[in-house]
Amino acid sequence: MNKLLIPMAVASAMIISACDPQATSGSSGPAVKKEDAIASVNGQYISKKTLEDLEKDIAQRSQGQAPAFPKEKLVEELIQRELLVQDAVQKKLDKAPETLTQLEAAKKAILTQASLQNYLKTAPITDAEIKAEYDKQVGGSGTEYKASHILVKEEAEAKKLIAELDKGGKFAALANKHSLDAKESQNGGDLGWFNPSQMVAPFSEAVAKLEKGKYTKAPVKTQFGWHIILLEDSRKQTPPPLDAVKSQLTPMLQRQKIQTMVENLRKQAKVEIMLPKEEPKPVTPPSVTPAPADAAAPAAAEPAKDATPVEAAKPAEPEPAKGEAVKPAEPAKK
């Protein structure tokens, strides 16, 4: 058997634990007694806790998707790691500038995590906070709407199109010809089903006042331009019970607390940015199209590619972003 073919899950966990000063029993870590060791490598003991931490880390990372590794295999992997550590120290690689830079970066990442975890322990999410967030989220999800719209730049143009509709003009045809919302302008202005919270306030308020099959008789102004809105249908939503979404609300509230904590630290700190200011780049206004239905549900945690170090170090739990809505139960299609 080629023992150097370390399983991916084990290798990943070992890389993480290698950044932890307590994860290795070498001279840089705390002394390990013989009775607390699982193996000895050239006189250096590998502690039982190192093995336990590795097992826990693999279990958390695999989330039941990978088979459990035999202890003997994990011990062998830890021995190989200790051999590599000793080899690096013997060759003075631990003193190399690039190694010291990486170790310092790893240390800062670990301390960042420690700070966040400590804060969550001292300020845990309460049941009252979860209930309040649940009421807030569910409160606006009683009805969802199916609508189409025509978006134009000027109010005068919107009024002209409303006049054409009053004369019997076809909404979809006018949307395809005149709407600036490119994604919908090729589909008759269809926005599909959406919750009011997914739209800007003036748009949602106008939709809620419409009768089925009617369009707005006056243009609706938003930051995107002027809208003519046609309500095609509406339906009631059945909100999920609190227990069904508690596990989604908790990490969301944790992140909100963490964000507030970091913002407070930022306000109290003396920060000086040395980089020269960049010229602002033109920003294209976003579409008013609602997010897909699935987007309302909290997604699994994975730091964004451009996430800040603090964001990337946040607890690896299901991660709905700040202000995300709890996804209501899907109503039966008519």
Protein backbone atom coordinates (compact mmCIF):
# COMPACT_ATOMS: atom_id res chain seq x y z
CA MET A 1 0.00 0.00 0.00
CA ASN A 2 1.31 3.45 -0.92
CA LYS A 3 0.96 5.31 2.37
CA LEU A 4 1.80 8.65 0.81
CA LEU A 5 -1.53 8.73 -0.99
CA ILE A 6 -3.26 10.68 1.76
CA PRO A 7 -7.07 10.81 1.36
CA MET A 8 -8.30 14.28 0.42
CA ALA A 9 -10.43 14.72 3.56
CA VAL A 10 -7.52 13.73 5.78
CA ALA A 11 -5.07 15.91 3.91
CA SER A 12 -7.39 18.91 4.19
CA ALA A 13 -7.83 18.45 7.91
CA MET A 14 -4.10 17.96 8.38
CA ILE A 15 -3.31 21.20 6.56
CA ILE A 16 -5.67 23.08 8.86
CA SER A 17 -4.42 21.42 12.02
CA ALA A 18 -0.82 21.97 10.96
CA CYS A 19 -1.47 25.70 11.45
CA ASP A 20 -2.43 25.05 15.08
CA PRO A 21 0.53 25.16 17.48
CA GLN A 22 -1.18 22.55 19.67
CA ALA A 23 -1.82 20.18 16.79
CA THR A 24 1.80 19.06 16.57
CA SER A 25 3.89 17.55 19.28
CA GLY A 26 7.17 18.98 17.99
CA SER A 27 9.47 21.24 19.99
CA SER A 28 7.37 24.34 19.20
CA GLY A 29 4.24 22.91 20.83
CA PRO A 30 3.34 22.04 24.41
CA ALA A 31 5.06 19.07 25.99
CA VAL A 32 3.21 15.76 25.63
CA LYS A 33 3.52 13.08 28.28
CA LYS A 34 4.06 9.47 27.23
CA GLU A 35 0.76 8.37 28.83
CA ASP A 36 -1.09 10.98 26.72
CA ALA A 37 0.53 9.94 23.45
CA ILE A 38 -0.61 7.66 20.62
CA ALA A 39 2.82 7.38 18.97
CA SER A 40 6.42 8.48 19.20
CA VAL A 41 8.46 9.70 16.23
CA ASN A 42 12.19 10.11 16.91
CA GLY A 43 11.37 10.83 20.53
CA GLN A 44 8.58 13.32 19.77
CA TYR A 45 5.16 12.28 21.07
CA ILE A 46 1.92 12.69 19.12
CA SER A 47 -0.89 13.37 21.57
CA LYS A 48 -4.25 11.66 21.84
CA LYS A 49 -5.89 15.08 21.50
CA THR A 50 -4.25 15.55 18.10
CA LEU A 51 -5.94 12.38 16.89
CA GLU A 52 -9.28 13.38 18.44
CA ASP A 53 -9.13 16.83 16.82
CA LEU A 54 -8.36 15.28 13.45
CA GLU A 55 -11.32 12.89 13.74
CA LYS A 56 -13.66 15.74 14.70
CA ASP A 57 -12.42 17.92 11.89
CA ILE A 58 -12.92 15.20 9.29
CA ALA A 59 -16.42 14.47 10.61
CA GLN A 60 -17.41 18.14 10.45
CA ARG A 61 -15.99 18.69 7.00
CA SER A 62 -17.42 15.54 5.43
CA GLN A 63 -20.89 16.06 6.99
CA GLY A 64 -21.58 12.36 6.63
CA GLN A 65 -20.60 12.30 2.94
CA ALA A 66 -17.28 10.51 3.44
CA PRO A 67 -16.70 7.17 5.17
CA ALA A 68 -15.03 7.13 8.58
CA PHE A 69 -11.31 6.41 8.43
CA PRO A 70 -9.84 3.69 10.68
CA LYS A 71 -7.82 5.01 13.62
CA GLU A 72 -4.79 3.10 12.41
CA LYS A 73 -4.86 4.99 9.11
CA LEU A 74 -5.22 8.36 10.84
CA VAL A 75 -2.36 7.54 13.20
CA GLU A 76 -0.18 6.62 10.24
CA GLU A 77 -1.03 9.92 8.56
CA LEU A 78 -0.12 11.83 11.74
CA ILE A 79 3.19 9.97 11.88
CA GLN A 80 3.91 10.96 8.27
CA ARG A 81 3.12 14.55 9.08
CA GLU A 82 5.43 14.51 12.11
CA LEU A 83 8.20 13.08 9.93
CA LEU A 84 7.70 15.90 7.43
CA VAL A 85 7.68 18.51 10.21
CA GLN A 86 10.93 17.15 11.63
CA ASP A 87 12.47 17.07 8.17
CA ALA A 88 11.49 20.71 7.59
CA VAL A 89 12.93 21.80 10.94
CA GLN A 90 16.16 19.88 10.33
CA LYS A 91 16.56 21.70 7.01
CA LYS A 92 15.72 25.02 8.73
CA LEU A 93 12.72 25.53 6.49
CA ASP A 94 10.86 26.87 9.52
CA LYS A 95 13.23 29.85 9.41
CA ALA A 96 12.73 30.57 5.69
CA PRO A 97 11.15 33.99 5.02
CA GLU A 98 8.30 32.55 2.92
CA THR A 99 7.51 29.98 5.63
CA LEU A 100 7.47 32.62 8.36
CA THR A 101 5.12 34.74 6.25
CA GLN A 102 2.73 31.82 5.80
CA LEU A 103 2.88 30.93 9.49
CA GLU A 104 2.07 34.53 10.44
CA ALA A 105 -0.90 34.54 8.02
CA ALA A 106 -2.13 31.24 9.49
CA LYS A 107 -1.77 32.63 13.01
CA LYS A 108 -3.84 35.69 12.13
CA ALA A 109 -6.55 33.53 10.55
CA ILE A 110 -6.74 31.36 13.67
CA LEU A 111 -6.90 34.40 15.95
CA THR A 112 -9.63 35.89 13.78
CA GLN A 113 -11.68 32.73 14.20
CA ALA A 114 -10.96 32.69 17.93
CA SER A 115 -12.20 36.26 18.29
CA LEU A 116 -15.44 35.54 16.42
CA GLN A 117 -16.11 32.28 18.28
CA ASN A 118 -15.44 33.94 21.62
CA TYR A 119 -17.86 36.74 20.80
CA LEU A 120 -20.61 34.27 19.86
CA LYS A 121 -20.07 32.46 23.16
CA THR A 122 -20.39 35.69 25.15
CA ALA A 123 -23.34 36.96 23.11
CA PRO A 124 -25.33 33.86 22.08
CA ILE A 125 -28.48 34.10 19.98
CA THR A 126 -31.53 33.89 22.22
CA ASP A 127 -34.88 32.23 21.51
CA ALA A 128 -36.49 35.67 21.77
CA GLU A 129 -34.23 37.02 19.01
CA ILE A 130 -35.02 34.03 16.79
CA LYS A 131 -38.77 34.49 17.35
CA ALA A 132 -38.54 38.22 16.59
CA GLU A 133 -36.66 37.57 13.34
CA TYR A 134 -39.14 34.85 12.39
CA ASP A 135 -42.08 37.24 12.91
CA LYS A 136 -40.28 39.89 10.88
CA GLN A 137 -39.56 37.55 7.99
CA VAL A 138 -42.92 35.82 7.87
CA GLY A 139 -44.87 39.03 8.40
CA GLY A 140 -44.24 40.18 4.84
CA SER A 141 -44.68 36.85 3.10
CA GLY A 142 -48.45 36.39 3.25
CA THR A 143 -49.03 37.00 -0.46
CA GLU A 144 -46.92 36.71 -3.56
CA TYR A 145 -47.65 38.16 -6.96
CA LYS A 146 -47.21 37.36 -10.64
CA ALA A 147 -46.78 40.49 -12.69
CA SER A 148 -45.29 42.03 -15.81
CA HIS A 149 -43.92 45.51 -16.29
CA ILE A 150 -42.71 47.99 -18.87
CA LEU A 151 -39.74 50.08 -17.80
CA VAL A 152 -38.97 53.36 -19.57
CA LYS A 153 -36.69 56.29 -18.85
CA GLU A 154 -39.13 59.20 -18.96
CA GLU A 155 -42.54 59.71 -17.33
CA ALA A 156 -43.93 61.19 -20.53
CA GLU A 157 -43.10 58.02 -22.45
CA ALA A 158 -44.76 55.90 -19.74
CA LYS A 159 -47.94 57.98 -19.95
CA LYS A 160 -47.96 57.60 -23.72
CA LEU A 161 -47.75 53.82 -23.40
CA ILE A 162 -50.56 53.79 -20.82
CA ALA A 163 -52.68 55.70 -23.32
CA GLU A 164 -51.96 53.02 -25.92
CA LEU A 165 -53.00 50.33 -23.43
CA ASP A 166 -56.22 52.22 -22.75
CA LYS A 167 -56.93 52.06 -26.48
CA GLY A 168 -56.53 48.28 -26.50
CA GLY A 169 -52.79 47.91 -27.00
CA LYS A 170 -51.25 44.59 -26.04
CA PHE A 171 -49.13 44.82 -22.88
CA ALA A 172 -46.66 42.10 -23.91
CA ALA A 173 -46.11 43.62 -27.34
CA LEU A 174 -45.47 47.08 -25.90
CA ALA A 175 -43.09 45.61 -23.32
CA ASN A 176 -41.12 43.76 -25.99
CA LYS A 177 -40.82 46.94 -28.03
CA HIS A 178 -40.22 49.63 -25.41
CA SER A 179 -39.09 48.18 -22.07
CA LEU A 180 -35.53 48.95 -20.94
CA ASP A 181 -35.39 45.90 -18.66
CA ALA A 182 -33.54 43.75 -21.17
CA LYS A 183 -34.13 40.41 -19.46
CA GLU A 184 -37.91 40.80 -19.50
CA SER A 185 -38.33 42.93 -22.60
CA GLN A 186 -38.00 39.81 -24.74
CA ASN A 187 -40.68 38.01 -22.74
CA GLY A 188 -43.50 40.52 -22.62
CA GLY A 189 -42.13 42.10 -19.44
CA ASP A 190 -42.91 38.97 -17.41
CA LEU A 191 -41.44 39.09 -13.88
CA GLY A 192 -42.79 35.73 -12.75
CA TRP A 193 -43.83 35.11 -9.13
CA PHE A 194 -42.25 37.25 -6.42
CA ASN A 195 -42.64 38.27 -2.81
CA PRO A 196 -43.14 42.02 -2.14
CA SER A 197 -39.90 42.07 -0.15
CA GLN A 198 -38.00 41.18 -3.33
CA MET A 199 -38.97 44.45 -4.99
CA VAL A 200 -38.26 48.08 -4.16
CA ALA A 201 -40.97 49.68 -2.04
CA PRO A 202 -42.75 51.85 -4.67
CA PHE A 203 -43.03 48.87 -7.02
CA SER A 204 -44.34 46.49 -4.31
CA GLU A 205 -46.84 49.03 -3.02
CA ALA A 206 -48.23 49.62 -6.51
CA VAL A 207 -48.58 45.89 -7.17
CA ALA A 208 -50.43 45.31 -3.89
CA LYS A 209 -53.06 47.91 -4.85
CA LEU A 210 -53.81 46.42 -8.27
CA GLU A 211 -56.69 44.11 -9.13
CA LYS A 212 -56.00 40.94 -11.04
CA GLY A 213 -55.74 41.67 -14.75
CA LYS A 214 -55.38 45.44 -14.25
CA TYR A 215 -52.41 47.70 -14.94
CA THR A 216 -51.29 50.89 -13.25
CA LYS A 217 -53.08 53.95 -14.65
CA ALA A 218 -50.23 56.20 -13.57
CA PRO A 219 -46.52 55.51 -14.04
CA VAL A 220 -44.68 54.20 -10.97
CA LYS A 221 -41.31 55.82 -10.29
CA THR A 222 -38.35 53.92 -8.81
CA GLN A 223 -34.60 54.44 -8.96
CA PHE A 224 -34.63 52.37 -12.16
CA GLY A 225 -37.02 54.61 -14.09
CA TRP A 226 -40.77 54.68 -14.72
CA HIS A 227 -42.84 51.49 -14.64
CA ILE A 228 -46.18 50.39 -15.97
CA ILE A 229 -47.20 47.30 -14.02
CA LEU A 230 -49.70 44.60 -14.93
CA LEU A 231 -50.89 42.27 -12.16
CA GLU A 232 -51.56 38.86 -13.64
CA ASP A 233 -52.27 36.84 -10.48
CA SER A 234 -51.68 36.56 -6.73
CA ARG A 235 -51.72 33.73 -4.23
CA LYS A 236 -51.47 33.19 -0.51
CA GLN A 237 -48.36 31.69 1.00
CA THR A 238 -48.23 29.31 3.94
CA PRO A 239 -45.25 30.28 6.09
CA PRO A 240 -43.05 27.49 7.45
CA PRO A 241 -43.26 26.76 11.20
CA LEU A 242 -40.63 28.32 13.45
CA ASP A 243 -38.97 24.99 14.23
CA ALA A 244 -38.48 24.31 10.51
CA VAL A 245 -36.43 27.47 9.94
CA LYS A 246 -34.77 27.95 13.33
CA SER A 247 -31.55 26.36 12.12
CA GLN A 248 -31.49 28.85 9.22
CA LEU A 249 -32.30 31.91 11.32
CA THR A 250 -29.63 31.25 13.96
CA PRO A 251 -26.55 31.58 11.70
CA MET A 252 -28.13 34.56 9.97
CA LEU A 253 -28.54 36.34 13.32
CA GLN A 254 -25.02 35.31 14.30
CA ARG A 255 -23.63 36.98 11.22
CA GLN A 256 -25.65 40.11 11.89
CA LYS A 257 -24.22 40.27 15.41
CA ILE A 258 -20.71 39.65 14.12
CA GLN A 259 -21.11 42.40 11.54
CA THR A 260 -22.22 44.84 14.24
CA MET A 261 -19.34 43.78 16.47
CA VAL A 262 -16.78 44.31 13.69
CA GLU A 263 -18.32 47.67 12.77
CA ASN A 264 -18.01 48.79 16.39
CA LEU A 265 -14.37 47.71 16.49
CA ARG A 266 -13.80 49.67 13.27
CA LYS A 267 -15.36 52.82 14.75
CA GLN A 268 -13.21 52.60 17.89
CA ALA A 269 -9.98 51.92 15.99
CA LYS A 270 -7.58 54.44 14.49
CA VAL A 271 -7.31 53.32 10.87
CA GLU A 272 -5.21 54.91 8.15
CA ILE A 273 -5.47 53.58 4.60
CA MET A 274 -2.26 54.03 2.64
CA LEU A 275 -3.45 52.98 -0.83
CA PRO A 276 -4.22 55.80 -3.29
CA LYS A 277 -7.88 56.27 -4.10
CA GLU A 278 -9.07 54.70 -7.32
CA GLU A 279 -11.29 56.48 -9.79
CA PRO A 280 -14.88 55.22 -9.42
CA LYS A 281 -16.00 52.94 -12.23
CA PRO A 282 -19.40 53.37 -13.91
CA VAL A 283 -22.02 51.13 -12.32
CA THR A 284 -24.82 49.65 -14.39
CA PRO A 285 -28.15 49.84 -12.52
CA PRO A 286 -29.33 46.35 -11.50
CA SER A 287 -32.42 44.79 -13.01
CA VAL A 288 -35.60 44.92 -10.97
CA THR A 289 -36.12 41.27 -11.74
CA PRO A 290 -36.79 39.33 -8.52
CA ALA A 291 -34.34 36.65 -7.52
CA PRO A 292 -35.33 33.08 -8.41
CA ALA A 293 -37.61 31.46 -5.86
CA ASP A 294 -34.79 29.30 -4.56
CA ALA A 295 -32.68 32.38 -3.86
CA ALA A 296 -34.95 33.31 -0.97
CA ALA A 297 -33.88 30.21 0.89
CA PRO A 298 -30.66 30.33 2.93
CA ALA A 299 -27.78 28.70 1.10
CA ALA A 300 -24.92 26.58 2.38
CA ALA A 301 -22.03 28.57 3.71
CA GLU A 302 -19.19 29.23 1.34
CA PRO A 303 -17.14 32.42 1.41
CA ALA A 304 -17.54 34.51 -1.72
CA LYS A 305 -14.52 34.73 -3.98
CA ASP A 306 -14.09 38.39 -3.04
CA ALA A 307 -14.98 37.94 0.62
CA THR A 308 -12.98 39.87 3.19
CA PRO A 309 -10.81 37.89 5.64
CA VAL A 310 -13.37 38.44 8.39
CA GLU A 311 -16.21 37.17 6.17
CA ALA A 312 -14.18 34.16 5.13
CA ALA A 313 -13.42 33.33 8.76
CA LYS A 314 -17.04 33.30 9.89
CA PRO A 315 -18.54 30.06 11.25
CA ALA A 316 -19.02 27.48 8.51
CA GLU A 317 -22.76 27.03 8.87
CA PRO A 318 -25.70 27.56 6.48
CA GLU A 319 -25.24 31.16 5.40
CA PRO A 320 -28.19 33.24 4.38
CA ALA A 321 -26.90 36.78 3.88
CA LYS A 322 -27.91 39.68 6.06
CA GLY A 323 -31.51 40.59 5.34
CA GLU A 324 -32.35 37.35 3.59
CA ALA A 325 -35.90 36.21 3.79
CA VAL A 326 -37.06 32.87 5.10
CA LYS A 327 -38.40 30.92 2.17
CA PRO A 328 -42.14 30.23 2.59
CA ALA A 329 -43.58 26.86 1.78
CA GLU A 330 -44.22 26.52 -1.94
CA PRO A 331 -47.95 26.90 -2.66
CA ALA A 332 -49.62 24.41 -4.91
CA LYS A 333 -49.66 25.44 -8.54
CA LYS A 334 -53.02 26.33 -9.95
